[in-house]
């Protein structure tokens, strides 16, 4: 159960926010260890070209981890192959569009590999052999004619009736957010269910079990902006909007919980190593608490903006900002109880 979200501030920058809750053992156990959005560009490529990107996955956490690891591996392989062929490191490697195509290829290959493994384990043949109607084993040709087998395999390949054995494969979607010099900041959206890959034309994209609430909140936020304003969002205001959206999903959706993983991307940074910043410690929890207090009317919008600016973008420490946060509340006792989970009717 997941909420993956990305927002574009302007042509150079944006952010991703995801939760970390993961259901285990057929949803009987919940753990908070899932890293649903992670940087996916190898350090060598970042240092040379300044290209940065993060991939967020909703669905099966292990599948998402495998996708992110494979993306890095494939990009490195491409760099090494071109370097070996040309005898030097190339001046240009990949645009974001080309990286997004590679990501889609990784996703589709992974899907085919896992489905083929399932078929081989159960029927001793893979998808291409099923399509051709026969397979060879030990020099003997075996035709696939059993109607029950054919019907069952078709369910595997199309996820008909949401077949349990391939649900962990099909039930995945992804978001790629990144910056590259020639294309600027861009967002891309992927789905294993519908088998699509598309650039995102809007200023935000959400997916996962929390998307009903996050989509409504961010749609409302952007609907109050003119078209020119949507192309240049104040990063502090935008960060508060996306945190407020995920807070809503966390509050009303049982599958969205834990510390948020916040990834900031800013292509204006001259130091390539600073173009992508990951915040997934106590600061991310404090950021969500600050926005929650603002939503509940215990601190003003102005105060929330100042605190988020210092904490997320200004390098503020947890201890320093936490102290300022509590002092700025209109009712410190009420805020303390609210953050500890008290119900509204017993906050006073």
C-alpha atoms as a PDB file:
ATOM      1  CA  UNK A   1       0.000   0.000   0.000  1.00  0.00           C
ATOM      2  CA  UNK A   2       1.584   3.194  -1.151  1.00  0.00           C
ATOM      3  CA  UNK A   3       1.309   6.858  -1.976  1.00  0.00           C
ATOM      4  CA  UNK A   4       3.862   8.028  -4.546  1.00  0.00           C
ATOM      5  CA  UNK A   5       3.708  11.670  -5.581  1.00  0.00           C
ATOM      6  CA  UNK A   6       5.780  14.103  -7.637  1.00  0.00           C
ATOM      7  CA  UNK A   7       5.408  17.830  -8.290  1.00  0.00           C
ATOM      8  CA  UNK A   8       7.087  20.208 -10.724  1.00  0.00           C
ATOM      9  CA  UNK A   9       8.005  23.630  -9.353  1.00  0.00           C
ATOM     10  CA  UNK A  10       9.482  25.058 -12.560  1.00  0.00           C
ATOM     11  CA  UNK A  11      11.627  24.063 -15.546  1.00  0.00           C
ATOM     12  CA  UNK A  12      14.575  23.293 -13.274  1.00  0.00           C
ATOM     13  CA  UNK A  13      13.177  21.805 -10.089  1.00  0.00           C
ATOM     14  CA  UNK A  14      10.588  19.641  -8.391  1.00  0.00           C
ATOM     15  CA  UNK A  15      10.093  17.116  -5.608  1.00  0.00           C
ATOM     16  CA  UNK A  16       8.866  13.605  -4.807  1.00  0.00           C
ATOM     17  CA  UNK A  17       7.109  12.539  -1.605  1.00  0.00           C
ATOM     18  CA  UNK A  18       6.313   8.913  -0.724  1.00  0.00           C
ATOM     19  CA  UNK A  19       5.337   7.049   2.432  1.00  0.00           C
ATOM     20  CA  UNK A  20       7.159   3.965   3.756  1.00  0.00           C
ATOM     21  CA  UNK A  21       4.427   1.579   4.921  1.00  0.00           C
ATOM     22  CA  UNK A  22       4.562  -1.955   3.579  1.00  0.00           C
ATOM     23  CA  UNK A  23       2.131  -4.809   4.223  1.00  0.00           C
ATOM     24  CA  UNK A  24       3.656  -8.221   4.842  1.00  0.00           C
ATOM     25  CA  UNK A  25       2.353 -11.775   5.060  1.00  0.00           C
ATOM     26  CA  UNK A  26      -0.869 -11.099   3.155  1.00  0.00           C
ATOM     27  CA  UNK A  27      -1.428  -7.780   4.924  1.00  0.00           C
ATOM     28  CA  UNK A  28      -1.414  -9.290   8.422  1.00  0.00           C
ATOM     29  CA  UNK A  29       1.713  -7.340   9.346  1.00  0.00           C
ATOM     30  CA  UNK A  30       2.709  -3.763   8.554  1.00  0.00           C
ATOM     31  CA  UNK A  31       6.321  -2.621   8.531  1.00  0.00           C
ATOM     32  CA  UNK A  32       7.896   0.770   7.890  1.00  0.00           C
ATOM     33  CA  UNK A  33      10.990  -0.036   5.873  1.00  0.00           C
ATOM     34  CA  UNK A  34       9.921   0.380   2.255  1.00  0.00           C
ATOM     35  CA  UNK A  35      11.976   2.871   0.239  1.00  0.00           C
ATOM     36  CA  UNK A  36       9.402   3.548  -2.437  1.00  0.00           C
ATOM     37  CA  UNK A  37      11.253   6.377  -4.126  1.00  0.00           C
ATOM     38  CA  UNK A  38      15.020   6.297  -4.625  1.00  0.00           C
ATOM     39  CA  UNK A  39      17.662   7.986  -6.779  1.00  0.00           C
ATOM     40  CA  UNK A  40      18.244   5.859  -9.891  1.00  0.00           C
ATOM     41  CA  UNK A  41      21.146   7.534 -11.703  1.00  0.00           C
ATOM     42  CA  UNK A  42      24.641   6.107 -10.987  1.00  0.00           C
ATOM     43  CA  UNK A  43      27.056   8.448  -9.202  1.00  0.00           C
ATOM     44  CA  UNK A  44      29.512   8.301 -12.124  1.00  0.00           C
ATOM     45  CA  UNK A  45      26.847   9.661 -14.468  1.00  0.00           C
ATOM     46  CA  UNK A  46      25.809  12.400 -12.036  1.00  0.00           C
ATOM     47  CA  UNK A  47      29.398  13.579 -11.592  1.00  0.00           C
ATOM     48  CA  UNK A  48      30.060  13.653 -15.349  1.00  0.00           C
ATOM     49  CA  UNK A  49      26.780  14.930 -16.798  1.00  0.00           C
ATOM     50  CA  UNK A  50      24.794  16.450 -13.926  1.00  0.00           C
ATOM     51  CA  UNK A  51      21.776  14.311 -14.762  1.00  0.00           C
ATOM     52  CA  UNK A  52      19.719  13.349 -11.703  1.00  0.00           C
ATOM     53  CA  UNK A  53      16.510  11.349 -11.359  1.00  0.00           C
ATOM     54  CA  UNK A  54      14.464   9.360  -8.873  1.00  0.00           C
ATOM     55  CA  UNK A  55      12.112   6.441  -9.491  1.00  0.00           C
ATOM     56  CA  UNK A  56       9.116   5.803  -7.246  1.00  0.00           C
ATOM     57  CA  UNK A  57       7.212   2.516  -7.343  1.00  0.00           C
ATOM     58  CA  UNK A  58       3.833   1.500  -5.982  1.00  0.00           C
ATOM     59  CA  UNK A  59       2.819  -2.122  -5.648  1.00  0.00           C
ATOM     60  CA  UNK A  60       5.289  -4.829  -4.648  1.00  0.00           C
ATOM     61  CA  UNK A  61       8.267  -3.308  -2.819  1.00  0.00           C
ATOM     62  CA  UNK A  62      10.716  -5.973  -3.952  1.00  0.00           C
ATOM     63  CA  UNK A  63       9.701  -5.426  -7.585  1.00  0.00           C
ATOM     64  CA  UNK A  64      10.253  -1.687  -7.152  1.00  0.00           C
ATOM     65  CA  UNK A  65      13.692  -2.296  -5.640  1.00  0.00           C
ATOM     66  CA  UNK A  66      14.623  -4.569  -8.531  1.00  0.00           C
ATOM     67  CA  UNK A  67      13.492  -1.952 -11.070  1.00  0.00           C
ATOM     68  CA  UNK A  68      15.549   0.826  -9.439  1.00  0.00           C
ATOM     69  CA  UNK A  69      18.652  -1.371  -9.185  1.00  0.00           C
ATOM     70  CA  UNK A  70      18.317  -2.504 -12.813  1.00  0.00           C
ATOM     71  CA  UNK A  71      17.911   1.078 -14.092  1.00  0.00           C
ATOM     72  CA  UNK A  72      21.261   2.023 -12.558  1.00  0.00           C
ATOM     73  CA  UNK A  73      22.886  -1.139 -13.912  1.00  0.00           C
ATOM     74  CA  UNK A  74      21.632  -0.524 -17.474  1.00  0.00           C
ATOM     75  CA  UNK A  75      22.727   3.126 -17.522  1.00  0.00           C
ATOM     76  CA  UNK A  76      26.215   2.135 -16.345  1.00  0.00           C
ATOM     77  CA  UNK A  77      26.382  -0.608 -18.967  1.00  0.00           C
ATOM     78  CA  UNK A  78      25.486   1.918 -21.658  1.00  0.00           C
ATOM     79  CA  UNK A  79      28.194   4.330 -20.458  1.00  0.00           C
ATOM     80  CA  UNK A  80      30.802   1.561 -20.404  1.00  0.00           C
ATOM     81  CA  UNK A  81      29.784   0.266 -23.836  1.00  0.00           C
ATOM     82  CA  UNK A  82      30.011   3.696 -25.511  1.00  0.00           C
ATOM     83  CA  UNK A  83      33.276   4.493 -23.713  1.00  0.00           C
ATOM     84  CA  UNK A  84      34.819   1.221 -24.895  1.00  0.00           C
ATOM     85  CA  UNK A  85      33.606   1.756 -28.459  1.00  0.00           C
ATOM     86  CA  UNK A  86      34.757   5.387 -28.772  1.00  0.00           C
ATOM     87  CA  UNK A  87      37.859   5.057 -26.626  1.00  0.00           C
ATOM     88  CA  UNK A  88      36.786   7.915 -24.373  1.00  0.00           C
ATOM     89  CA  UNK A  89      33.930   8.984 -22.109  1.00  0.00           C
ATOM     90  CA  UNK A  90      31.202  10.463 -24.359  1.00  0.00           C
ATOM     91  CA  UNK A  91      30.382  14.176 -24.098  1.00  0.00           C
ATOM     92  CA  UNK A  92      26.671  13.293 -23.906  1.00  0.00           C
ATOM     93  CA  UNK A  93      25.069  10.099 -22.672  1.00  0.00           C
ATOM     94  CA  UNK A  94      21.268  10.082 -22.381  1.00  0.00           C
ATOM     95  CA  UNK A  95      18.449  12.608 -22.329  1.00  0.00           C
ATOM     96  CA  UNK A  96      15.625  12.195 -19.821  1.00  0.00           C
ATOM     97  CA  UNK A  97      13.404  11.011 -22.676  1.00  0.00           C
ATOM     98  CA  UNK A  98      15.918   8.265 -23.454  1.00  0.00           C
ATOM     99  CA  UNK A  99      16.232   7.377 -19.762  1.00  0.00           C
ATOM    100  CA  UNK A 100      12.452   7.139 -19.519  1.00  0.00           C
ATOM    101  CA  UNK A 101      12.410   4.738 -22.493  1.00  0.00           C
ATOM    102  CA  UNK A 102      15.089   2.645 -20.785  1.00  0.00           C
ATOM    103  CA  UNK A 103      13.019   2.584 -17.578  1.00  0.00           C
ATOM    104  CA  UNK A 104       9.985   1.329 -19.496  1.00  0.00           C
ATOM    105  CA  UNK A 105      12.088  -1.381 -21.138  1.00  0.00           C
ATOM    106  CA  UNK A 106      13.390  -2.431 -17.724  1.00  0.00           C
ATOM    107  CA  UNK A 107       9.832  -2.610 -16.372  1.00  0.00           C
ATOM    108  CA  UNK A 108       8.550  -4.672 -19.310  1.00  0.00           C
ATOM    109  CA  UNK A 109      11.537  -7.048 -19.274  1.00  0.00           C
ATOM    110  CA  UNK A 110      11.083  -7.548 -15.554  1.00  0.00           C
ATOM    111  CA  UNK A 111       7.406  -8.274 -16.045  1.00  0.00           C
ATOM    112  CA  UNK A 112       8.105 -10.832 -18.788  1.00  0.00           C
ATOM    113  CA  UNK A 113      10.877 -12.483 -16.765  1.00  0.00           C
ATOM    114  CA  UNK A 114       8.722 -12.947 -13.673  1.00  0.00           C
ATOM    115  CA  UNK A 115       5.729 -14.231 -15.631  1.00  0.00           C
ATOM    116  CA  UNK A 116       7.942 -16.661 -17.554  1.00  0.00           C
ATOM    117  CA  UNK A 117       9.396 -17.919 -14.269  1.00  0.00           C
ATOM    118  CA  UNK A 118       5.856 -18.572 -13.014  1.00  0.00           C
ATOM    119  CA  UNK A 119       4.901 -20.418 -16.197  1.00  0.00           C
ATOM    120  CA  UNK A 120       8.049 -22.536 -16.250  1.00  0.00           C
ATOM    121  CA  UNK A 121       7.588 -23.514 -12.647  1.00  0.00           C
ATOM    122  CA  UNK A 122       4.006 -24.566 -13.202  1.00  0.00           C
ATOM    123  CA  UNK A 123       3.831 -25.788 -16.840  1.00  0.00           C
ATOM    124  CA  UNK A 124       7.467 -26.198 -17.946  1.00  0.00           C
ATOM    125  CA  UNK A 125       7.142 -23.695 -20.832  1.00  0.00           C
ATOM    126  CA  UNK A 126       7.440 -19.910 -21.179  1.00  0.00           C
ATOM    127  CA  UNK A 127       5.426 -17.221 -22.975  1.00  0.00           C
ATOM    128  CA  UNK A 128       7.083 -17.457 -26.435  1.00  0.00           C
ATOM    129  CA  UNK A 129       6.618 -21.242 -26.395  1.00  0.00           C
ATOM    130  CA  UNK A 130       2.979 -20.822 -25.385  1.00  0.00           C
ATOM    131  CA  UNK A 131       2.408 -18.353 -28.244  1.00  0.00           C
ATOM    132  CA  UNK A 132       3.915 -20.761 -30.803  1.00  0.00           C
ATOM    133  CA  UNK A 133       1.800 -23.576 -29.365  1.00  0.00           C
ATOM    134  CA  UNK A 134       4.571 -26.056 -28.553  1.00  0.00           C
ATOM    135  CA  UNK A 135       7.920 -26.528 -26.844  1.00  0.00           C
ATOM    136  CA  UNK A 136      10.812 -28.960 -27.042  1.00  0.00           C
ATOM    137  CA  UNK A 137      12.298 -30.896 -24.138  1.00  0.00           C
ATOM    138  CA  UNK A 138      14.935 -33.642 -24.428  1.00  0.00           C
ATOM    139  CA  UNK A 139      14.597 -33.598 -28.204  1.00  0.00           C
ATOM    140  CA  UNK A 140      10.854 -34.193 -28.024  1.00  0.00           C
ATOM    141  CA  UNK A 141       8.269 -31.707 -29.327  1.00  0.00           C
ATOM    142  CA  UNK A 142       5.305 -31.231 -27.021  1.00  0.00           C
ATOM    143  CA  UNK A 143       2.211 -29.421 -28.271  1.00  0.00           C
ATOM    144  CA  UNK A 144       0.188 -27.241 -25.911  1.00  0.00           C
ATOM    145  CA  UNK A 145      -3.365 -28.415 -26.556  1.00  0.00           C
ATOM    146  CA  UNK A 146      -4.994 -28.832 -23.152  1.00  0.00           C
ATOM    147  CA  UNK A 147      -7.863 -26.315 -23.070  1.00  0.00           C
ATOM    148  CA  UNK A 148      -7.747 -25.967 -19.277  1.00  0.00           C
ATOM    149  CA  UNK A 149      -4.025 -25.211 -19.402  1.00  0.00           C
ATOM    150  CA  UNK A 150      -4.494 -22.687 -22.224  1.00  0.00           C
ATOM    151  CA  UNK A 151      -7.285 -20.969 -20.313  1.00  0.00           C
ATOM    152  CA  UNK A 152      -5.192 -20.786 -17.152  1.00  0.00           C
ATOM    153  CA  UNK A 153      -2.094 -19.478 -18.935  1.00  0.00           C
ATOM    154  CA  UNK A 154      -4.155 -16.749 -20.593  1.00  0.00           C
ATOM    155  CA  UNK A 155      -5.157 -15.621 -17.107  1.00  0.00           C
ATOM    156  CA  UNK A 156      -1.486 -15.425 -16.185  1.00  0.00           C
ATOM    157  CA  UNK A 157      -0.627 -13.342 -19.245  1.00  0.00           C
ATOM    158  CA  UNK A 158      -3.578 -10.928 -19.064  1.00  0.00           C
ATOM    159  CA  UNK A 159      -4.158 -10.831 -15.279  1.00  0.00           C
ATOM    160  CA  UNK A 160      -7.711 -11.945 -15.939  1.00  0.00           C
ATOM    161  CA  UNK A 161      -9.712 -12.328 -12.714  1.00  0.00           C
ATOM    162  CA  UNK A 162      -6.680 -10.749 -10.984  1.00  0.00           C
ATOM    163  CA  UNK A 163      -4.906 -14.090 -10.700  1.00  0.00           C
ATOM    164  CA  UNK A 164      -3.190 -14.193  -7.277  1.00  0.00           C
ATOM    165  CA  UNK A 165       0.087 -15.695  -8.470  1.00  0.00           C
ATOM    166  CA  UNK A 166       0.871 -12.797 -10.815  1.00  0.00           C
ATOM    167  CA  UNK A 167      -0.777  -9.985  -8.854  1.00  0.00           C
ATOM    168  CA  UNK A 168       2.597  -8.968  -7.293  1.00  0.00           C
ATOM    169  CA  UNK A 169       3.898  -8.497 -10.851  1.00  0.00           C
ATOM    170  CA  UNK A 170       0.990  -6.696 -12.514  1.00  0.00           C
ATOM    171  CA  UNK A 171      -0.006  -4.533  -9.577  1.00  0.00           C
ATOM    172  CA  UNK A 172       2.829  -2.048 -10.014  1.00  0.00           C
ATOM    173  CA  UNK A 173       3.046   1.523 -11.251  1.00  0.00           C
ATOM    174  CA  UNK A 174       5.895   4.003 -11.276  1.00  0.00           C
ATOM    175  CA  UNK A 175       6.903   7.649 -11.481  1.00  0.00           C
ATOM    176  CA  UNK A 176      10.197   8.990 -12.812  1.00  0.00           C
ATOM    177  CA  UNK A 177      11.199  12.547 -11.882  1.00  0.00           C
ATOM    178  CA  UNK A 178      14.464  14.068 -12.994  1.00  0.00           C
ATOM    179  CA  UNK A 179      16.562  16.854 -14.445  1.00  0.00           C
ATOM    180  CA  UNK A 180      18.859  16.810 -17.461  1.00  0.00           C
ATOM    181  CA  UNK A 181      20.552  19.814 -19.068  1.00  0.00           C
ATOM    182  CA  UNK A 182      18.890  19.653 -22.496  1.00  0.00           C
ATOM    183  CA  UNK A 183      15.343  18.912 -21.299  1.00  0.00           C
ATOM    184  CA  UNK A 184      15.127  20.469 -17.836  1.00  0.00           C
ATOM    185  CA  UNK A 185      12.923  18.970 -15.123  1.00  0.00           C
ATOM    186  CA  UNK A 186      10.431  16.352 -16.331  1.00  0.00           C
ATOM    187  CA  UNK A 187       8.008  13.736 -14.998  1.00  0.00           C
ATOM    188  CA  UNK A 188       7.058  10.350 -16.485  1.00  0.00           C
ATOM    189  CA  UNK A 189       4.383   7.813 -15.508  1.00  0.00           C
ATOM    190  CA  UNK A 190       4.412   3.999 -15.922  1.00  0.00           C
ATOM    191  CA  UNK A 191       2.011   1.112 -15.341  1.00  0.00           C
ATOM    192  CA  UNK A 192       2.469  -2.657 -15.542  1.00  0.00           C
ATOM    193  CA  UNK A 193      -1.299  -3.169 -15.526  1.00  0.00           C
ATOM    194  CA  UNK A 194      -2.067  -1.057 -18.606  1.00  0.00           C
ATOM    195  CA  UNK A 195       1.471  -1.432 -20.035  1.00  0.00           C
ATOM    196  CA  UNK A 196       1.891   2.273 -20.693  1.00  0.00           C
ATOM    197  CA  UNK A 197       4.692   4.810 -20.455  1.00  0.00           C
ATOM    198  CA  UNK A 198       3.963   8.493 -20.939  1.00  0.00           C
ATOM    199  CA  UNK A 199       5.431  11.914 -20.211  1.00  0.00           C
ATOM    200  CA  UNK A 200       3.395  13.880 -17.672  1.00  0.00           C
ATOM    201  CA  UNK A 201       2.048  17.121 -19.112  1.00  0.00           C
ATOM    202  CA  UNK A 202       0.570  18.396 -15.845  1.00  0.00           C
ATOM    203  CA  UNK A 203       2.588  19.912 -13.000  1.00  0.00           C
ATOM    204  CA  UNK A 204       2.086  16.854 -10.768  1.00  0.00           C
ATOM    205  CA  UNK A 205       1.508  13.114 -10.884  1.00  0.00           C
ATOM    206  CA  UNK A 206       0.283  10.760  -8.144  1.00  0.00           C
ATOM    207  CA  UNK A 207      -0.307   7.017  -7.912  1.00  0.00           C
ATOM    208  CA  UNK A 208      -0.803   4.245  -5.374  1.00  0.00           C
ATOM    209  CA  UNK A 209      -3.529   3.487  -2.879  1.00  0.00           C
ATOM    210  CA  UNK A 210      -3.515   7.099  -1.633  1.00  0.00           C
ATOM    211  CA  UNK A 211      -4.000   8.669  -5.067  1.00  0.00           C
ATOM    212  CA  UNK A 212      -7.709   9.383  -4.596  1.00  0.00           C
ATOM    213  CA  UNK A 213      -6.971  11.896  -1.830  1.00  0.00           C
ATOM    214  CA  UNK A 214      -3.638  13.247  -3.057  1.00  0.00           C
ATOM    215  CA  UNK A 215      -5.009  13.790  -6.560  1.00  0.00           C
ATOM    216  CA  UNK A 216      -8.025  15.724  -5.271  1.00  0.00           C
ATOM    217  CA  UNK A 217      -5.899  17.934  -3.044  1.00  0.00           C
ATOM    218  CA  UNK A 218      -3.260  18.758  -5.660  1.00  0.00           C
ATOM    219  CA  UNK A 219      -5.892  19.248  -8.366  1.00  0.00           C
ATOM    220  CA  UNK A 220      -7.621  21.762  -6.117  1.00  0.00           C
ATOM    221  CA  UNK A 221      -4.321  23.505  -5.392  1.00  0.00           C
ATOM    222  CA  UNK A 222      -3.389  23.882  -9.064  1.00  0.00           C
ATOM    223  CA  UNK A 223      -6.922  24.816 -10.140  1.00  0.00           C
ATOM    224  CA  UNK A 224      -6.488  28.033  -8.146  1.00  0.00           C
ATOM    225  CA  UNK A 225      -3.450  28.931 -10.264  1.00  0.00           C
ATOM    226  CA  UNK A 226      -3.485  30.553 -13.687  1.00  0.00           C
ATOM    227  CA  UNK A 227      -1.795  28.649 -16.503  1.00  0.00           C
ATOM    228  CA  UNK A 228       1.344  30.839 -16.369  1.00  0.00           C
ATOM    229  CA  UNK A 229       1.455  30.461 -12.562  1.00  0.00           C
ATOM    230  CA  UNK A 230       1.376  26.666 -12.838  1.00  0.00           C
ATOM    231  CA  UNK A 231       4.673  26.801 -14.717  1.00  0.00           C
ATOM    232  CA  UNK A 232       6.484  28.543 -11.870  1.00  0.00           C
ATOM    233  CA  UNK A 233       5.361  27.364  -8.444  1.00  0.00           C
ATOM    234  CA  UNK A 234       6.970  28.761  -5.305  1.00  0.00           C
ATOM    235  CA  UNK A 235       8.906  25.765  -4.021  1.00  0.00           C
ATOM    236  CA  UNK A 236       7.945  26.295  -0.379  1.00  0.00           C
ATOM    237  CA  UNK A 237       4.259  26.684  -1.198  1.00  0.00           C
ATOM    238  CA  UNK A 238       4.446  23.686  -3.529  1.00  0.00           C
ATOM    239  CA  UNK A 239       6.156  21.556  -0.896  1.00  0.00           C
ATOM    240  CA  UNK A 240       3.463  22.421   1.633  1.00  0.00           C
ATOM    241  CA  UNK A 241       0.784  21.494  -0.922  1.00  0.00           C
ATOM    242  CA  UNK A 242       2.244  18.052  -1.661  1.00  0.00           C
ATOM    243  CA  UNK A 243       2.900  17.327   2.037  1.00  0.00           C
ATOM    244  CA  UNK A 244      -0.673  18.338   2.861  1.00  0.00           C
ATOM    245  CA  UNK A 245      -1.911  15.982   0.139  1.00  0.00           C
ATOM    246  CA  UNK A 246       0.090  13.030   1.485  1.00  0.00           C
ATOM    247  CA  UNK A 247      -0.964  13.902   5.046  1.00  0.00           C
ATOM    248  CA  UNK A 248      -4.578  13.529   3.933  1.00  0.00           C
ATOM    249  CA  UNK A 249      -3.852  10.126   2.406  1.00  0.00           C
ATOM    250  CA  UNK A 250      -2.019   9.074   5.581  1.00  0.00           C
ATOM    251  CA  UNK A 251      -4.898  10.183   7.778  1.00  0.00           C
ATOM    252  CA  UNK A 252      -7.682   8.448   5.852  1.00  0.00           C
ATOM    253  CA  UNK A 253      -5.962   5.528   4.105  1.00  0.00           C
ATOM    254  CA  UNK A 254      -4.759   2.663   6.315  1.00  0.00           C
ATOM    255  CA  UNK A 255      -2.038   1.720   3.836  1.00  0.00           C
ATOM    256  CA  UNK A 256      -0.263   5.106   3.867  1.00  0.00           C
ATOM    257  CA  UNK A 257       1.897   5.632   6.951  1.00  0.00           C
ATOM    258  CA  UNK A 258       5.377   6.083   8.340  1.00  0.00           C
ATOM    259  CA  UNK A 259       8.060   8.699   7.746  1.00  0.00           C
ATOM    260  CA  UNK A 260       7.876  10.268   4.318  1.00  0.00           C
ATOM    261  CA  UNK A 261      10.773  10.032   1.908  1.00  0.00           C
ATOM    262  CA  UNK A 262      11.251  13.483   0.400  1.00  0.00           C
ATOM    263  CA  UNK A 263      13.454  13.925  -2.659  1.00  0.00           C
ATOM    264  CA  UNK A 264      14.324  17.421  -3.893  1.00  0.00           C
ATOM    265  CA  UNK A 265      15.680  18.001  -7.396  1.00  0.00           C
ATOM    266  CA  UNK A 266      17.144  21.329  -8.507  1.00  0.00           C
ATOM    267  CA  UNK A 267      19.066  21.581 -11.770  1.00  0.00           C
ATOM    268  CA  UNK A 268      20.266  25.103 -10.952  1.00  0.00           C
ATOM    269  CA  UNK A 269      22.783  23.755  -8.464  1.00  0.00           C
ATOM    270  CA  UNK A 270      26.284  24.135  -9.913  1.00  0.00           C
ATOM    271  CA  UNK A 271      27.553  21.323  -7.723  1.00  0.00           C
ATOM    272  CA  UNK A 272      26.108  18.239  -9.433  1.00  0.00           C
ATOM    273  CA  UNK A 273      26.159  16.296  -6.165  1.00  0.00           C
ATOM    274  CA  UNK A 274      23.683  18.800  -4.686  1.00  0.00           C
ATOM    275  CA  UNK A 275      21.172  18.567  -7.499  1.00  0.00           C
ATOM    276  CA  UNK A 276      19.319  15.736  -5.771  1.00  0.00           C
ATOM    277  CA  UNK A 277      18.770  15.815  -2.014  1.00  0.00           C
ATOM    278  CA  UNK A 278      17.061  13.022  -0.073  1.00  0.00           C
ATOM    279  CA  UNK A 279      15.324  13.691   3.257  1.00  0.00           C
ATOM    280  CA  UNK A 280      13.974  10.593   5.004  1.00  0.00           C
ATOM    281  CA  UNK A 281      14.932  11.081   8.656  1.00  0.00           C
ATOM    282  CA  UNK A 282      13.271  12.947  11.552  1.00  0.00           C
ATOM    283  CA  UNK A 283      13.150  16.088   9.408  1.00  0.00           C
ATOM    284  CA  UNK A 284      10.605  14.491   7.085  1.00  0.00           C
ATOM    285  CA  UNK A 285       8.361  13.653  10.047  1.00  0.00           C
ATOM    286  CA  UNK A 286       8.734  17.174  11.397  1.00  0.00           C
ATOM    287  CA  UNK A 287       7.847  18.615   7.978  1.00  0.00           C
ATOM    288  CA  UNK A 288       4.626  16.586   7.843  1.00  0.00           C
ATOM    289  CA  UNK A 289       3.795  17.649  11.415  1.00  0.00           C
ATOM    290  CA  UNK A 290       4.322  21.327  10.581  1.00  0.00           C
ATOM    291  CA  UNK A 291       1.966  21.078   7.618  1.00  0.00           C
ATOM    292  CA  UNK A 292      -0.572  19.105   9.694  1.00  0.00           C
ATOM    293  CA  UNK A 293      -0.550  21.847  12.343  1.00  0.00           C
ATOM    294  CA  UNK A 294      -1.101  24.437   9.611  1.00  0.00           C
ATOM    295  CA  UNK A 295      -4.036  22.443   8.242  1.00  0.00           C
ATOM    296  CA  UNK A 296      -5.583  22.276  11.725  1.00  0.00           C
ATOM    297  CA  UNK A 297      -5.207  26.034  12.207  1.00  0.00           C
ATOM    298  CA  UNK A 298      -2.657  25.856  15.027  1.00  0.00           C
ATOM    299  CA  UNK A 299       0.007  27.756  13.096  1.00  0.00           C
ATOM    300  CA  UNK A 300      -0.432  30.280  10.290  1.00  0.00           C
ATOM    301  CA  UNK A 301       0.389  29.747   6.618  1.00  0.00           C
ATOM    302  CA  UNK A 302       3.165  32.310   6.951  1.00  0.00           C
ATOM    303  CA  UNK A 303       4.698  30.487   9.924  1.00  0.00           C
ATOM    304  CA  UNK A 304       4.456  27.125   8.155  1.00  0.00           C
ATOM    305  CA  UNK A 305       6.168  28.558   5.064  1.00  0.00           C
ATOM    306  CA  UNK A 306       9.010  29.956   7.147  1.00  0.00           C
ATOM    307  CA  UNK A 307       9.572  26.689   9.005  1.00  0.00           C
ATOM    308  CA  UNK A 308       9.390  24.498   5.878  1.00  0.00           C
ATOM    309  CA  UNK A 309      11.753  26.834   4.040  1.00  0.00           C
ATOM    310  CA  UNK A 310      14.361  26.549   6.798  1.00  0.00           C
ATOM    311  CA  UNK A 311      13.873  22.825   7.357  1.00  0.00           C
ATOM    312  CA  UNK A 312      13.626  21.497   3.798  1.00  0.00           C
ATOM    313  CA  UNK A 313      15.478  24.052   1.707  1.00  0.00           C
ATOM    314  CA  UNK A 314      17.642  25.929   4.200  1.00  0.00           C
ATOM    315  CA  UNK A 315      19.472  23.056   5.845  1.00  0.00           C
ATOM    316  CA  UNK A 316      17.857  23.627   9.245  1.00  0.00           C
ATOM    317  CA  UNK A 317      18.353  21.026  11.969  1.00  0.00           C
ATOM    318  CA  UNK A 318      15.573  18.944  13.439  1.00  0.00           C
ATOM    319  CA  UNK A 319      16.182  20.177  16.981  1.00  0.00           C
ATOM    320  CA  UNK A 320      16.310  23.850  16.029  1.00  0.00           C
ATOM    321  CA  UNK A 321      13.192  23.848  13.844  1.00  0.00           C
ATOM    322  CA  UNK A 322      11.217  21.610  16.226  1.00  0.00           C
ATOM    323  CA  UNK A 323      11.725  24.122  19.030  1.00  0.00           C
ATOM    324  CA  UNK A 324      10.587  27.024  16.856  1.00  0.00           C
ATOM    325  CA  UNK A 325       7.600  24.992  15.691  1.00  0.00           C
ATOM    326  CA  UNK A 326       6.251  24.293  19.182  1.00  0.00           C
ATOM    327  CA  UNK A 327       6.773  27.894  20.301  1.00  0.00           C
ATOM    328  CA  UNK A 328       4.902  29.268  17.300  1.00  0.00           C
ATOM    329  CA  UNK A 329       1.680  27.316  17.984  1.00  0.00           C
ATOM    330  CA  UNK A 330      -1.374  29.254  19.101  1.00  0.00           C
ATOM    331  CA  UNK A 331      -2.146  26.458  21.593  1.00  0.00           C
ATOM    332  CA  UNK A 332       0.952  24.419  22.493  1.00  0.00           C
ATOM    333  CA  UNK A 333      -0.943  21.912  24.633  1.00  0.00           C
ATOM    334  CA  UNK A 334      -3.477  21.258  21.890  1.00  0.00           C
ATOM    335  CA  UNK A 335      -0.722  20.862  19.297  1.00  0.00           C
ATOM    336  CA  UNK A 336       1.157  18.424  21.519  1.00  0.00           C
ATOM    337  CA  UNK A 337      -1.928  16.262  21.938  1.00  0.00           C
ATOM    338  CA  UNK A 338      -2.881  16.496  18.278  1.00  0.00           C
ATOM    339  CA  UNK A 339       0.536  15.211  17.201  1.00  0.00           C
ATOM    340  CA  UNK A 340       0.271  12.371  19.726  1.00  0.00           C
ATOM    341  CA  UNK A 341      -2.951  11.169  18.101  1.00  0.00           C
ATOM    342  CA  UNK A 342      -5.644  12.499  20.428  1.00  0.00           C
ATOM    343  CA  UNK A 343      -9.148  12.746  18.976  1.00  0.00           C
ATOM    344  CA  UNK A 344     -10.479  16.221  18.248  1.00  0.00           C
ATOM    345  CA  UNK A 345     -13.200  16.092  20.887  1.00  0.00           C
ATOM    346  CA  UNK A 346     -10.635  15.573  23.697  1.00  0.00           C
ATOM    347  CA  UNK A 347      -7.851  17.875  22.524  1.00  0.00           C
ATOM    348  CA  UNK A 348      -8.612  20.652  25.017  1.00  0.00           C
END
